[in-house]
Amino acid sequence: MSRIKQRFAQLAEQGRKGLIPYICAGDPTPGITVPLMHALARAGADVIELGVPFSDPMADGPTIQRATERAIANGVGLRQVLHMAKAFRVQDQVTPVVLMGYANPIECMGKAEFAAAAKDAGVDGVLVVDYPPEECEDFALVMREAGIDPIFLLAPTSTDARIATVASHASGYIYYVSLKGITGAGHLDVSSVAARLPQIKAHADIPVGVGFGISNAATARAVAEVADAVVIGSRIIQELENTPAEQAVEAVERLLTEIRVAIDQPFTKAAA
């Protein structure tokens, strides 16, 4: 059983929802990434999404774009990210790590070499924004053969056919983009997410995490009431931007702890 599957199984047994924070590797400095990952784990992260810096993102809003620009300026690319994941594994053998990024760095390295390197680094899943499921059956197979979960995105505009295709290739969890827009957008409609998830669940028998537009503990809790997991990224990057470097790890840990506490509060069942 993969670390991701095992973690979601534990959450289901406990009646809890998953918390999946995102950080960009190498931001604000390369040396802070591994300590940040450990802080996220201490704060209650169930899966850590580790962003791979890329110069031409398609889904990332201004906040995460700034983070990737800083990371690239710091000389961080895919190979450095893999080294960071491996360094994290020295002390943490249980928290799942998912690399999130774009196809170009993987294509440059080569899919087989990437799969082997990611496995060696202790990576548990890979989410490649611009690998459409219809065109990357071979990539998903290579990942699964390496024991790595291929994770895919779904959006409010995804058709039943696209949902079924994603469900046939994905493992670990599915990432549902809660809105039509970019990361960090501020027009999250939880009711529309709640209405959409049963359609996804009709095709997929793996957990569904919801991200984009989750900016605080209140929105995280609202999403957790309807989804299997909450994904939060831009808000964490903002905390890093607005905090002195020597206080950044502590500030991020405090922020995520607040969100963890919020989503762990018992949900009130609607009256019959």
C-alpha atoms as a PDB file:
ATOM      1  CA  MET A   1       0.000   0.000   0.000  1.00  0.00           C
ATOM      2  CA  SER A   2       1.389   3.406  -0.978  1.00  0.00           C
ATOM      3  CA  ARG A   3       2.003   6.045   1.666  1.00  0.00           C
ATOM      4  CA  ILE A   4      -0.766   8.187   0.155  1.00  0.00           C
ATOM      5  CA  LYS A   5      -3.305   5.366   0.176  1.00  0.00           C
ATOM      6  CA  GLN A   6      -2.301   4.406   3.692  1.00  0.00           C
ATOM      7  CA  ARG A   7      -2.685   7.985   4.946  1.00  0.00           C
ATOM      8  CA  PHE A   8      -6.154   8.380   3.455  1.00  0.00           C
ATOM      9  CA  ALA A   9      -7.163   4.998   4.866  1.00  0.00           C
ATOM     10  CA  GLN A  10      -6.097   6.190   8.320  1.00  0.00           C
ATOM     11  CA  LEU A  11      -8.053   9.412   7.886  1.00  0.00           C
ATOM     12  CA  ALA A  12     -11.159   7.497   6.876  1.00  0.00           C
ATOM     13  CA  GLU A  13     -10.873   5.258   9.932  1.00  0.00           C
ATOM     14  CA  GLN A  14     -10.572   8.341  12.141  1.00  0.00           C
ATOM     15  CA  GLY A  15     -13.417  10.204  10.436  1.00  0.00           C
ATOM     16  CA  ARG A  16     -11.051  13.059   9.564  1.00  0.00           C
ATOM     17  CA  LYS A  17     -10.276  15.010   6.405  1.00  0.00           C
ATOM     18  CA  GLY A  18      -6.918  15.387   4.736  1.00  0.00           C
ATOM     19  CA  LEU A  19      -4.795  18.520   4.751  1.00  0.00           C
ATOM     20  CA  ILE A  20      -2.476  19.004   1.772  1.00  0.00           C
ATOM     21  CA  PRO A  21      -0.246  22.105   1.878  1.00  0.00           C
ATOM     22  CA  TYR A  22       1.787  23.275  -1.111  1.00  0.00           C
ATOM     23  CA  ILE A  23       5.156  25.007  -1.054  1.00  0.00           C
ATOM     24  CA  CYS A  24       7.492  25.807  -3.929  1.00  0.00           C
ATOM     25  CA  ALA A  25      10.865  24.129  -3.518  1.00  0.00           C
ATOM     26  CA  GLY A  26      13.643  26.685  -3.244  1.00  0.00           C
ATOM     27  CA  ASP A  27      11.433  29.563  -2.106  1.00  0.00           C
ATOM     28  CA  PRO A  28      12.380  31.856  -0.496  1.00  0.00           C
ATOM     29  CA  THR A  29      15.771  30.101  -0.277  1.00  0.00           C
ATOM     30  CA  PRO A  30      16.851  26.528  -1.035  1.00  0.00           C
ATOM     31  CA  GLY A  31      18.010  25.977   2.528  1.00  0.00           C
ATOM     32  CA  ILE A  32      14.577  26.581   4.022  1.00  0.00           C
ATOM     33  CA  THR A  33      12.662  23.998   1.971  1.00  0.00           C
ATOM     34  CA  VAL A  34      13.404  20.861   4.000  1.00  0.00           C
ATOM     35  CA  PRO A  35      12.845  22.611   7.365  1.00  0.00           C
ATOM     36  CA  LEU A  36       9.555  23.936   5.961  1.00  0.00           C
ATOM     37  CA  MET A  37       8.501  20.430   4.947  1.00  0.00           C
ATOM     38  CA  HIS A  38       9.171  19.180   8.464  1.00  0.00           C
ATOM     39  CA  ALA A  39       7.196  22.108   9.877  1.00  0.00           C
ATOM     40  CA  LEU A  40       4.252  21.251   7.642  1.00  0.00           C
ATOM     41  CA  ALA A  41       4.371  17.654   8.846  1.00  0.00           C
ATOM     42  CA  ARG A  42       4.481  18.752  12.490  1.00  0.00           C
ATOM     43  CA  ALA A  43       1.483  21.012  11.893  1.00  0.00           C
ATOM     44  CA  GLY A  44      -0.595  18.107  10.634  1.00  0.00           C
ATOM     45  CA  ALA A  45      -0.030  17.881   6.897  1.00  0.00           C
ATOM     46  CA  ASP A  46      -1.279  14.564   5.528  1.00  0.00           C
ATOM     47  CA  VAL A  47       0.426  15.015   2.159  1.00  0.00           C
ATOM     48  CA  ILE A  48       2.988  17.646   1.186  1.00  0.00           C
ATOM     49  CA  GLU A  49       2.832  19.006  -2.349  1.00  0.00           C
ATOM     50  CA  LEU A  50       6.303  20.170  -3.303  1.00  0.00           C
ATOM     51  CA  GLY A  51       6.284  22.520  -6.264  1.00  0.00           C
ATOM     52  CA  VAL A  52       8.894  22.093  -8.991  1.00  0.00           C
ATOM     53  CA  PRO A  53       9.864  25.588 -10.249  1.00  0.00           C
ATOM     54  CA  PHE A  54       9.079  26.212 -13.905  1.00  0.00           C
ATOM     55  CA  SER A  55       9.439  29.397 -15.930  1.00  0.00           C
ATOM     56  CA  ASP A  56       6.154  29.234 -17.877  1.00  0.00           C
ATOM     57  CA  PRO A  57       3.331  28.088 -15.586  1.00  0.00           C
ATOM     58  CA  MET A  58      -0.245  27.835 -16.854  1.00  0.00           C
ATOM     59  CA  ALA A  59      -2.330  27.343 -13.715  1.00  0.00           C
ATOM     60  CA  ASP A  60      -0.435  29.335 -11.110  1.00  0.00           C
ATOM     61  CA  GLY A  61      -1.552  32.767 -10.007  1.00  0.00           C
ATOM     62  CA  PRO A  62       0.748  35.723  -9.268  1.00  0.00           C
ATOM     63  CA  THR A  63       1.645  34.563  -5.754  1.00  0.00           C
ATOM     64  CA  ILE A  64       2.948  31.152  -6.774  1.00  0.00           C
ATOM     65  CA  GLN A  65       4.498  32.616  -9.927  1.00  0.00           C
ATOM     66  CA  ARG A  66       6.568  34.917  -7.730  1.00  0.00           C
ATOM     67  CA  ALA A  67       7.627  31.922  -5.649  1.00  0.00           C
ATOM     68  CA  THR A  68       8.764  29.986  -8.712  1.00  0.00           C
ATOM     69  CA  GLU A  69      10.648  33.021 -10.030  1.00  0.00           C
ATOM     70  CA  ARG A  70      12.504  33.328  -6.735  1.00  0.00           C
ATOM     71  CA  ALA A  71      13.286  29.609  -6.739  1.00  0.00           C
ATOM     72  CA  ILE A  72      14.590  29.683 -10.309  1.00  0.00           C
ATOM     73  CA  ALA A  73      16.735  32.710  -9.451  1.00  0.00           C
ATOM     74  CA  ASN A  74      18.100  30.591  -6.594  1.00  0.00           C
ATOM     75  CA  GLY A  75      19.164  27.930  -9.095  1.00  0.00           C
ATOM     76  CA  VAL A  76      16.527  25.370  -8.164  1.00  0.00           C
ATOM     77  CA  GLY A  77      15.277  22.931 -10.796  1.00  0.00           C
ATOM     78  CA  LEU A  78      13.927  19.407 -10.901  1.00  0.00           C
ATOM     79  CA  ARG A  79      17.155  17.684  -9.815  1.00  0.00           C
ATOM     80  CA  GLN A  80      17.535  19.995  -6.833  1.00  0.00           C
ATOM     81  CA  VAL A  81      13.903  19.351  -5.854  1.00  0.00           C
ATOM     82  CA  LEU A  82      14.545  15.604  -5.883  1.00  0.00           C
ATOM     83  CA  HIS A  83      17.558  16.123  -3.624  1.00  0.00           C
ATOM     84  CA  MET A  84      15.348  18.092  -1.209  1.00  0.00           C
ATOM     85  CA  ALA A  85      12.726  15.329  -1.157  1.00  0.00           C
ATOM     86  CA  LYS A  86      15.445  12.787  -0.426  1.00  0.00           C
ATOM     87  CA  ALA A  87      16.834  14.939   2.387  1.00  0.00           C
ATOM     88  CA  PHE A  88      13.345  15.198   3.913  1.00  0.00           C
ATOM     89  CA  ARG A  89      13.062  11.396   3.876  1.00  0.00           C
ATOM     90  CA  VAL A  90      16.129  11.037   6.107  1.00  0.00           C
ATOM     91  CA  GLN A  91      14.039  12.090   9.110  1.00  0.00           C
ATOM     92  CA  ASP A  92      10.475  11.518   7.902  1.00  0.00           C
ATOM     93  CA  GLN A  93       9.562   8.131   6.483  1.00  0.00           C
ATOM     94  CA  VAL A  94       5.782   8.463   6.797  1.00  0.00           C
ATOM     95  CA  THR A  95       4.522  11.777   5.374  1.00  0.00           C
ATOM     96  CA  PRO A  96       3.637  11.395   1.679  1.00  0.00           C
ATOM     97  CA  VAL A  97       5.322  13.797  -0.742  1.00  0.00           C
ATOM     98  CA  VAL A  98       3.836  14.740  -4.116  1.00  0.00           C
ATOM     99  CA  LEU A  99       5.815  16.670  -6.729  1.00  0.00           C
ATOM    100  CA  MET A 100       3.650  19.220  -8.510  1.00  0.00           C
ATOM    101  CA  GLY A 101       4.765  20.960 -11.654  1.00  0.00           C
ATOM    102  CA  TYR A 102       4.892  20.917 -15.427  1.00  0.00           C
ATOM    103  CA  ALA A 103       5.920  18.496 -18.146  1.00  0.00           C
ATOM    104  CA  ASN A 104       8.949  20.258 -19.600  1.00  0.00           C
ATOM    105  CA  PRO A 105      11.484  19.448 -16.829  1.00  0.00           C
ATOM    106  CA  ILE A 106      10.376  15.797 -16.826  1.00  0.00           C
ATOM    107  CA  GLU A 107      10.602  15.553 -20.597  1.00  0.00           C
ATOM    108  CA  CYS A 108      14.087  17.070 -20.475  1.00  0.00           C
ATOM    109  CA  MET A 109      15.234  14.546 -17.884  1.00  0.00           C
ATOM    110  CA  GLY A 110      13.429  11.633 -19.525  1.00  0.00           C
ATOM    111  CA  LYS A 111      10.441   9.855 -18.035  1.00  0.00           C
ATOM    112  CA  ALA A 112      12.283   6.665 -17.099  1.00  0.00           C
ATOM    113  CA  GLU A 113      15.151   8.534 -15.448  1.00  0.00           C
ATOM    114  CA  PHE A 114      12.696  10.779 -13.629  1.00  0.00           C
ATOM    115  CA  ALA A 115      10.697   7.815 -12.345  1.00  0.00           C
ATOM    116  CA  ALA A 116      13.839   6.128 -11.018  1.00  0.00           C
ATOM    117  CA  ALA A 117      15.125   9.324  -9.407  1.00  0.00           C
ATOM    118  CA  ALA A 118      11.758  10.128  -7.844  1.00  0.00           C
ATOM    119  CA  LYS A 119      11.480   6.629  -6.426  1.00  0.00           C
ATOM    120  CA  ASP A 120      15.002   6.869  -5.011  1.00  0.00           C
ATOM    121  CA  ALA A 121      14.093  10.218  -3.419  1.00  0.00           C
ATOM    122  CA  GLY A 122      11.058   8.773  -1.669  1.00  0.00           C
ATOM    123  CA  VAL A 123       8.477  10.630  -3.752  1.00  0.00           C
ATOM    124  CA  ASP A 124       4.980   9.173  -3.458  1.00  0.00           C
ATOM    125  CA  GLY A 125       3.040  10.965  -6.176  1.00  0.00           C
ATOM    126  CA  VAL A 126       3.422  13.268  -9.163  1.00  0.00           C
ATOM    127  CA  LEU A 127       0.948  15.852 -10.433  1.00  0.00           C
ATOM    128  CA  VAL A 128       1.908  17.282 -13.813  1.00  0.00           C
ATOM    129  CA  VAL A 129      -0.444  20.113 -14.722  1.00  0.00           C
ATOM    130  CA  ASP A 130       0.033  19.898 -18.486  1.00  0.00           C
ATOM    131  CA  TYR A 131      -0.007  16.120 -18.897  1.00  0.00           C
ATOM    132  CA  PRO A 132      -3.617  15.526 -20.006  1.00  0.00           C
ATOM    133  CA  PRO A 133      -4.743  12.019 -19.067  1.00  0.00           C
ATOM    134  CA  GLU A 134      -5.758  11.250 -22.649  1.00  0.00           C
ATOM    135  CA  GLU A 135      -2.139  11.674 -23.767  1.00  0.00           C
ATOM    136  CA  CYS A 136      -0.042  10.275 -20.935  1.00  0.00           C
ATOM    137  CA  GLU A 137      -1.114   6.686 -20.429  1.00  0.00           C
ATOM    138  CA  ASP A 138       2.527   5.667 -20.802  1.00  0.00           C
ATOM    139  CA  PHE A 139       3.646   8.185 -18.172  1.00  0.00           C
ATOM    140  CA  ALA A 140       1.022   6.966 -15.702  1.00  0.00           C
ATOM    141  CA  LEU A 141       2.189   3.397 -16.308  1.00  0.00           C
ATOM    142  CA  VAL A 142       5.843   4.298 -15.732  1.00  0.00           C
ATOM    143  CA  MET A 143       4.896   6.051 -12.493  1.00  0.00           C
ATOM    144  CA  ARG A 144       2.827   3.159 -11.189  1.00  0.00           C
ATOM    145  CA  GLU A 145       5.593   0.692 -12.051  1.00  0.00           C
ATOM    146  CA  ALA A 146       7.905   2.811  -9.883  1.00  0.00           C
ATOM    147  CA  GLY A 147       5.384   2.753  -7.035  1.00  0.00           C
ATOM    148  CA  ILE A 148       4.477   6.420  -7.558  1.00  0.00           C
ATOM    149  CA  ASP A 149       0.874   7.617  -7.764  1.00  0.00           C
ATOM    150  CA  PRO A 150      -0.002   9.619 -10.904  1.00  0.00           C
ATOM    151  CA  ILE A 151      -2.354  12.378  -9.758  1.00  0.00           C
ATOM    152  CA  PHE A 152      -4.552  14.366 -12.126  1.00  0.00           C
ATOM    153  CA  LEU A 153      -6.591  17.551 -12.083  1.00  0.00           C
ATOM    154  CA  LEU A 154     -10.308  17.933 -12.685  1.00  0.00           C
ATOM    155  CA  ALA A 155     -12.081  21.256 -13.114  1.00  0.00           C
ATOM    156  CA  PRO A 156     -15.641  22.615 -12.984  1.00  0.00           C
ATOM    157  CA  THR A 157     -15.687  22.318 -16.777  1.00  0.00           C
ATOM    158  CA  SER A 158     -14.627  18.633 -16.868  1.00  0.00           C
ATOM    159  CA  THR A 159     -17.095  16.436 -18.727  1.00  0.00           C
ATOM    160  CA  ASP A 160     -18.255  13.003 -17.608  1.00  0.00           C
ATOM    161  CA  ALA A 161     -15.981  11.504 -20.256  1.00  0.00           C
ATOM    162  CA  ARG A 162     -12.958  13.428 -18.921  1.00  0.00           C
ATOM    163  CA  ILE A 163     -13.811  12.458 -15.334  1.00  0.00           C
ATOM    164  CA  ALA A 164     -14.013   8.794 -16.344  1.00  0.00           C
ATOM    165  CA  THR A 165     -10.666   9.012 -18.169  1.00  0.00           C
ATOM    166  CA  VAL A 166      -8.969  10.622 -15.178  1.00  0.00           C
ATOM    167  CA  ALA A 167     -10.474   8.036 -12.846  1.00  0.00           C
ATOM    168  CA  SER A 168      -9.072   5.233 -14.998  1.00  0.00           C
ATOM    169  CA  HIS A 169      -5.490   6.576 -14.821  1.00  0.00           C
ATOM    170  CA  ALA A 170      -5.266   8.302 -11.441  1.00  0.00           C
ATOM    171  CA  SER A 171      -4.247   6.836  -8.119  1.00  0.00           C
ATOM    172  CA  GLY A 172      -3.571   8.331  -4.701  1.00  0.00           C
ATOM    173  CA  TYR A 173      -6.132  11.095  -5.013  1.00  0.00           C
ATOM    174  CA  ILE A 174      -7.731  13.389  -7.563  1.00  0.00           C
ATOM    175  CA  TYR A 175      -7.146  17.128  -7.335  1.00  0.00           C
ATOM    176  CA  TYR A 176     -10.361  19.027  -8.029  1.00  0.00           C
ATOM    177  CA  VAL A 177      -9.810  22.645  -9.039  1.00  0.00           C
ATOM    178  CA  SER A 178     -12.640  24.417  -7.259  1.00  0.00           C
ATOM    179  CA  LEU A 179     -13.047  27.320  -9.672  1.00  0.00           C
ATOM    180  CA  LYS A 180     -12.462  28.538 -13.205  1.00  0.00           C
ATOM    181  CA  GLY A 181      -9.271  30.453 -12.732  1.00  0.00           C
ATOM    182  CA  ILE A 182      -5.778  30.381 -11.315  1.00  0.00           C
ATOM    183  CA  THR A 183      -4.324  29.588  -7.918  1.00  0.00           C
ATOM    184  CA  GLY A 184      -4.986  32.217  -5.291  1.00  0.00           C
ATOM    185  CA  ALA A 185      -8.261  33.396  -6.846  1.00  0.00           C
ATOM    186  CA  GLY A 186     -10.775  34.653  -4.320  1.00  0.00           C
ATOM    187  CA  HIS A 187     -14.186  33.576  -5.594  1.00  0.00           C
ATOM    188  CA  LEU A 188     -14.570  30.106  -4.100  1.00  0.00           C
ATOM    189  CA  ASP A 189     -18.166  28.829  -4.079  1.00  0.00           C
ATOM    190  CA  VAL A 190     -18.327  25.878  -1.695  1.00  0.00           C
ATOM    191  CA  SER A 191     -21.902  25.043  -2.690  1.00  0.00           C
ATOM    192  CA  SER A 192     -20.847  24.502  -6.299  1.00  0.00           C
ATOM    193  CA  VAL A 193     -18.002  22.272  -5.118  1.00  0.00           C
ATOM    194  CA  ALA A 194     -20.424  20.245  -3.006  1.00  0.00           C
ATOM    195  CA  ALA A 195     -22.740  19.831  -5.986  1.00  0.00           C
ATOM    196  CA  ARG A 196     -19.904  18.721  -8.245  1.00  0.00           C
ATOM    197  CA  LEU A 197     -18.182  16.124  -6.065  1.00  0.00           C
ATOM    198  CA  PRO A 198     -20.883  13.396  -6.310  1.00  0.00           C
ATOM    199  CA  GLN A 199     -20.434  13.437 -10.094  1.00  0.00           C
ATOM    200  CA  ILE A 200     -16.711  12.795  -9.636  1.00  0.00           C
ATOM    201  CA  LYS A 201     -17.292  10.154  -6.967  1.00  0.00           C
ATOM    202  CA  ALA A 202     -19.611   8.294  -9.333  1.00  0.00           C
ATOM    203  CA  HIS A 203     -16.575   7.545 -11.505  1.00  0.00           C
ATOM    204  CA  ALA A 204     -13.674   7.537  -9.048  1.00  0.00           C
ATOM    205  CA  ASP A 205     -13.122   5.310  -6.029  1.00  0.00           C
ATOM    206  CA  ILE A 206     -10.147   7.304  -4.707  1.00  0.00           C
ATOM    207  CA  PRO A 207     -10.195  10.413  -2.485  1.00  0.00           C
ATOM    208  CA  VAL A 208     -10.825  13.843  -3.947  1.00  0.00           C
ATOM    209  CA  GLY A 209      -8.864  16.827  -2.664  1.00  0.00           C
ATOM    210  CA  VAL A 210     -10.076  20.344  -3.420  1.00  0.00           C
ATOM    211  CA  GLY A 211      -7.797  23.304  -4.013  1.00  0.00           C
ATOM    212  CA  PHE A 212      -7.651  26.844  -5.495  1.00  0.00           C
ATOM    213  CA  GLY A 213      -9.259  29.716  -3.627  1.00  0.00           C
ATOM    214  CA  ILE A 214      -8.777  28.352  -0.097  1.00  0.00           C
ATOM    215  CA  SER A 215      -7.319  31.267   1.799  1.00  0.00           C
ATOM    216  CA  ASN A 216      -7.986  30.766   5.511  1.00  0.00           C
ATOM    217  CA  ALA A 217      -9.168  28.375   8.206  1.00  0.00           C
ATOM    218  CA  ALA A 218     -12.834  29.165   7.600  1.00  0.00           C
ATOM    219  CA  THR A 219     -12.785  28.345   3.885  1.00  0.00           C
ATOM    220  CA  ALA A 220     -10.632  25.289   4.558  1.00  0.00           C
ATOM    221  CA  ARG A 221     -13.175  24.006   7.055  1.00  0.00           C
ATOM    222  CA  ALA A 222     -16.074  24.668   4.681  1.00  0.00           C
ATOM    223  CA  VAL A 223     -14.346  22.709   1.920  1.00  0.00           C
ATOM    224  CA  ALA A 224     -13.396  19.899   4.315  1.00  0.00           C
ATOM    225  CA  GLU A 225     -17.072  19.416   5.094  1.00  0.00           C
ATOM    226  CA  VAL A 226     -17.715  18.274   1.507  1.00  0.00           C
ATOM    227  CA  ALA A 227     -14.327  16.976   0.255  1.00  0.00           C
ATOM    228  CA  ASP A 228     -11.885  14.258   1.320  1.00  0.00           C
ATOM    229  CA  ALA A 229      -9.005  16.732   1.580  1.00  0.00           C
ATOM    230  CA  VAL A 230      -8.181  20.424   1.435  1.00  0.00           C
ATOM    231  CA  VAL A 231      -5.269  21.730  -0.655  1.00  0.00           C
ATOM    232  CA  ILE A 232      -3.815  25.114   0.283  1.00  0.00           C
ATOM    233  CA  GLY A 233      -0.873  26.822  -1.384  1.00  0.00           C
ATOM    234  CA  SER A 234      -1.006  30.531  -2.187  1.00  0.00           C
ATOM    235  CA  ARG A 235      -1.861  31.468   1.398  1.00  0.00           C
ATOM    236  CA  ILE A 236       1.275  29.679   2.614  1.00  0.00           C
ATOM    237  CA  ILE A 237       3.420  31.442   0.012  1.00  0.00           C
ATOM    238  CA  GLN A 238       1.955  34.764   1.146  1.00  0.00           C
ATOM    239  CA  GLU A 239       2.963  33.958   4.715  1.00  0.00           C
ATOM    240  CA  LEU A 240       6.512  33.343   3.532  1.00  0.00           C
ATOM    241  CA  GLU A 241       6.535  36.618   1.614  1.00  0.00           C
ATOM    242  CA  ASN A 242       5.286  38.641   4.557  1.00  0.00           C
ATOM    243  CA  THR A 243       7.472  37.122   7.283  1.00  0.00           C
ATOM    244  CA  PRO A 244      11.163  37.770   8.034  1.00  0.00           C
ATOM    245  CA  ALA A 245      13.275  34.822   6.907  1.00  0.00           C
ATOM    246  CA  GLU A 246      14.335  33.856  10.425  1.00  0.00           C
ATOM    247  CA  GLN A 247      10.671  33.566  11.487  1.00  0.00           C
ATOM    248  CA  ALA A 248       9.260  31.966   8.335  1.00  0.00           C
ATOM    249  CA  VAL A 249       9.275  28.304   9.383  1.00  0.00           C
ATOM    250  CA  GLU A 250       7.582  29.063  12.687  1.00  0.00           C
ATOM    251  CA  ALA A 251       4.999  31.316  11.006  1.00  0.00           C
ATOM    252  CA  VAL A 252       4.041  28.702   8.410  1.00  0.00           C
ATOM    253  CA  GLU A 253       3.789  25.998  11.054  1.00  0.00           C
ATOM    254  CA  ARG A 254       1.510  28.229  13.124  1.00  0.00           C
ATOM    255  CA  LEU A 255      -0.691  29.015  10.105  1.00  0.00           C
ATOM    256  CA  LEU A 256      -1.099  25.386   9.113  1.00  0.00           C
ATOM    257  CA  THR A 257      -1.776  24.338  12.703  1.00  0.00           C
ATOM    258  CA  GLU A 258      -4.702  26.794  12.782  1.00  0.00           C
ATOM    259  CA  ILE A 259      -6.093  25.275   9.597  1.00  0.00           C
ATOM    260  CA  ARG A 260      -5.589  21.748  10.930  1.00  0.00           C
ATOM    261  CA  VAL A 261      -7.499  22.586  14.099  1.00  0.00           C
ATOM    262  CA  ALA A 262     -10.318  24.140  12.065  1.00  0.00           C
ATOM    263  CA  ILE A 263     -10.880  21.181   9.767  1.00  0.00           C
ATOM    264  CA  ASP A 264     -10.641  18.711  12.655  1.00  0.00           C
ATOM    265  CA  GLN A 265     -13.584  20.278  14.492  1.00  0.00           C
ATOM    266  CA  PRO A 266     -16.677  18.003  14.433  1.00  0.00           C
ATOM    267  CA  PHE A 267     -19.066  18.815  11.631  1.00  0.00           C
ATOM    268  CA  THR A 268     -22.670  19.527  12.525  1.00  0.00           C
ATOM    269  CA  LYS A 269     -25.035  17.248  10.664  1.00  0.00           C
ATOM    270  CA  ALA A 270     -27.905  18.979   8.947  1.00  0.00           C
ATOM    271  CA  ALA A 271     -31.303  18.439  10.526  1.00  0.00           C
ATOM    272  CA  ALA A 272     -33.493  15.859   8.847  1.00  0.00           C
END
